[in-house]
Amino acid sequence: MRPSARRRGHAASALADALPIARELGIPRVLLTCDVSNAGSRATIEKNGGAYEDTRNGKRRYWIDTA
């Protein structure tokens, strides 16, 4: 997200819109990752139901069920 468009909910909305598409494609759950230091991406993923799994190589890993 470009800096001037941040903190307006665009990323959260885009992710929310993508999840039903994944479900329609038969993808039962999706893996999302973000850098440990990226608080904005972390908040976006968690806002959309991301369940934290673990951290690997500086990346936080989250799963979201699409069903």
C-alpha atoms as a PDB file:
ATOM      1  CA  MET A   1       0.000   0.000   0.000  1.00  0.00           C
ATOM      2  CA  ARG A   2       1.448   3.355  -0.930  1.00  0.00           C
ATOM      3  CA  PRO A   3       2.127   5.596   2.066  1.00  0.00           C
ATOM      4  CA  SER A   4      -0.563   8.167   1.208  1.00  0.00           C
ATOM      5  CA  ALA A   5      -3.255   5.431   1.139  1.00  0.00           C
ATOM      6  CA  ARG A   6      -2.313   3.726   4.399  1.00  0.00           C
ATOM      7  CA  ARG A   7      -4.566   3.567   7.474  1.00  0.00           C
ATOM      8  CA  ARG A   8      -7.778   3.871   5.443  1.00  0.00           C
ATOM      9  CA  GLY A   9      -8.801   0.206   5.507  1.00  0.00           C
ATOM     10  CA  HIS A  10      -7.989  -0.514   1.857  1.00  0.00           C
ATOM     11  CA  ALA A  11      -5.773  -3.527   2.586  1.00  0.00           C
ATOM     12  CA  ALA A  12      -8.255  -5.025   5.058  1.00  0.00           C
ATOM     13  CA  SER A  13     -11.045  -4.588   2.523  1.00  0.00           C
ATOM     14  CA  ALA A  14      -9.002  -6.169  -0.265  1.00  0.00           C
ATOM     15  CA  LEU A  15      -8.194  -9.161   1.924  1.00  0.00           C
ATOM     16  CA  ALA A  16     -11.843  -9.510   2.996  1.00  0.00           C
ATOM     17  CA  ASP A  17     -12.886  -9.454  -0.666  1.00  0.00           C
ATOM     18  CA  ALA A  18     -10.284 -12.085  -1.618  1.00  0.00           C
ATOM     19  CA  LEU A  19     -11.313 -14.661   0.985  1.00  0.00           C
ATOM     20  CA  PRO A  20     -14.695 -15.565  -0.611  1.00  0.00           C
ATOM     21  CA  ILE A  21     -12.938 -15.929  -3.961  1.00  0.00           C
ATOM     22  CA  ALA A  22     -10.489 -18.372  -2.408  1.00  0.00           C
ATOM     23  CA  ARG A  23     -13.460 -20.296  -0.977  1.00  0.00           C
ATOM     24  CA  GLU A  24     -15.132 -20.426  -4.419  1.00  0.00           C
ATOM     25  CA  LEU A  25     -11.892 -21.802  -5.850  1.00  0.00           C
ATOM     26  CA  GLY A  26     -12.002 -24.635  -3.319  1.00  0.00           C
ATOM     27  CA  ILE A  27      -9.235 -23.325  -1.086  1.00  0.00           C
ATOM     28  CA  PRO A  28     -10.329 -24.221   2.463  1.00  0.00           C
ATOM     29  CA  ARG A  29      -7.767 -22.052   4.245  1.00  0.00           C
ATOM     30  CA  VAL A  30      -5.086 -19.593   3.277  1.00  0.00           C
ATOM     31  CA  LEU A  31      -1.653 -18.887   4.708  1.00  0.00           C
ATOM     32  CA  LEU A  32      -0.659 -15.252   5.072  1.00  0.00           C
ATOM     33  CA  THR A  33       2.720 -13.989   6.192  1.00  0.00           C
ATOM     34  CA  CYS A  34       4.121 -10.627   7.154  1.00  0.00           C
ATOM     35  CA  ASP A  35       7.396  -9.297   8.474  1.00  0.00           C
ATOM     36  CA  VAL A  36       7.666  -9.331  12.257  1.00  0.00           C
ATOM     37  CA  SER A  37       8.173  -5.557  12.192  1.00  0.00           C
ATOM     38  CA  ASN A  38       5.124  -4.820   9.992  1.00  0.00           C
ATOM     39  CA  ALA A  39       2.435  -3.845  12.487  1.00  0.00           C
ATOM     40  CA  GLY A  40       0.036  -2.675   9.765  1.00  0.00           C
ATOM     41  CA  SER A  41       0.021  -5.990   7.931  1.00  0.00           C
ATOM     42  CA  ARG A  42      -0.279  -7.837  11.213  1.00  0.00           C
ATOM     43  CA  ALA A  43      -3.355  -5.791  12.145  1.00  0.00           C
ATOM     44  CA  THR A  44      -4.890  -6.302   8.697  1.00  0.00           C
ATOM     45  CA  ILE A  45      -4.468 -10.069   8.869  1.00  0.00           C
ATOM     46  CA  GLU A  46      -5.782 -10.286  12.425  1.00  0.00           C
ATOM     47  CA  LYS A  47      -8.758  -8.052  11.578  1.00  0.00           C
ATOM     48  CA  ASN A  48      -9.733 -10.591   8.926  1.00  0.00           C
ATOM     49  CA  GLY A  49      -9.599 -13.561  11.286  1.00  0.00           C
ATOM     50  CA  GLY A  50      -5.973 -14.581  10.938  1.00  0.00           C
ATOM     51  CA  ALA A  51      -4.936 -17.177  13.503  1.00  0.00           C
ATOM     52  CA  TYR A  52      -1.270 -16.820  14.426  1.00  0.00           C
ATOM     53  CA  GLU A  53       0.705 -20.032  13.913  1.00  0.00           C
ATOM     54  CA  ASP A  54       4.345 -19.136  14.507  1.00  0.00           C
ATOM     55  CA  THR A  55       7.287 -17.019  13.390  1.00  0.00           C
ATOM     56  CA  ARG A  56       9.875 -18.353  10.942  1.00  0.00           C
ATOM     57  CA  ASN A  57      12.840 -16.482   9.526  1.00  0.00           C
ATOM     58  CA  GLY A  58      11.487 -13.091  10.594  1.00  0.00           C
ATOM     59  CA  LYS A  59       7.991 -13.741   9.195  1.00  0.00           C
ATOM     60  CA  ARG A  60       4.810 -14.141  11.230  1.00  0.00           C
ATOM     61  CA  ARG A  61       2.551 -16.874   9.815  1.00  0.00           C
ATOM     62  CA  TYR A  62      -1.247 -16.746   9.997  1.00  0.00           C
ATOM     63  CA  TRP A  63      -3.998 -19.052   8.753  1.00  0.00           C
ATOM     64  CA  ILE A  64      -7.503 -17.944   7.750  1.00  0.00           C
ATOM     65  CA  ASP A  65     -10.285 -20.465   7.157  1.00  0.00           C
ATOM     66  CA  THR A  66     -12.362 -19.576   4.108  1.00  0.00           C
ATOM     67  CA  ALA A  67     -15.252 -21.952   4.834  1.00  0.00           C
END
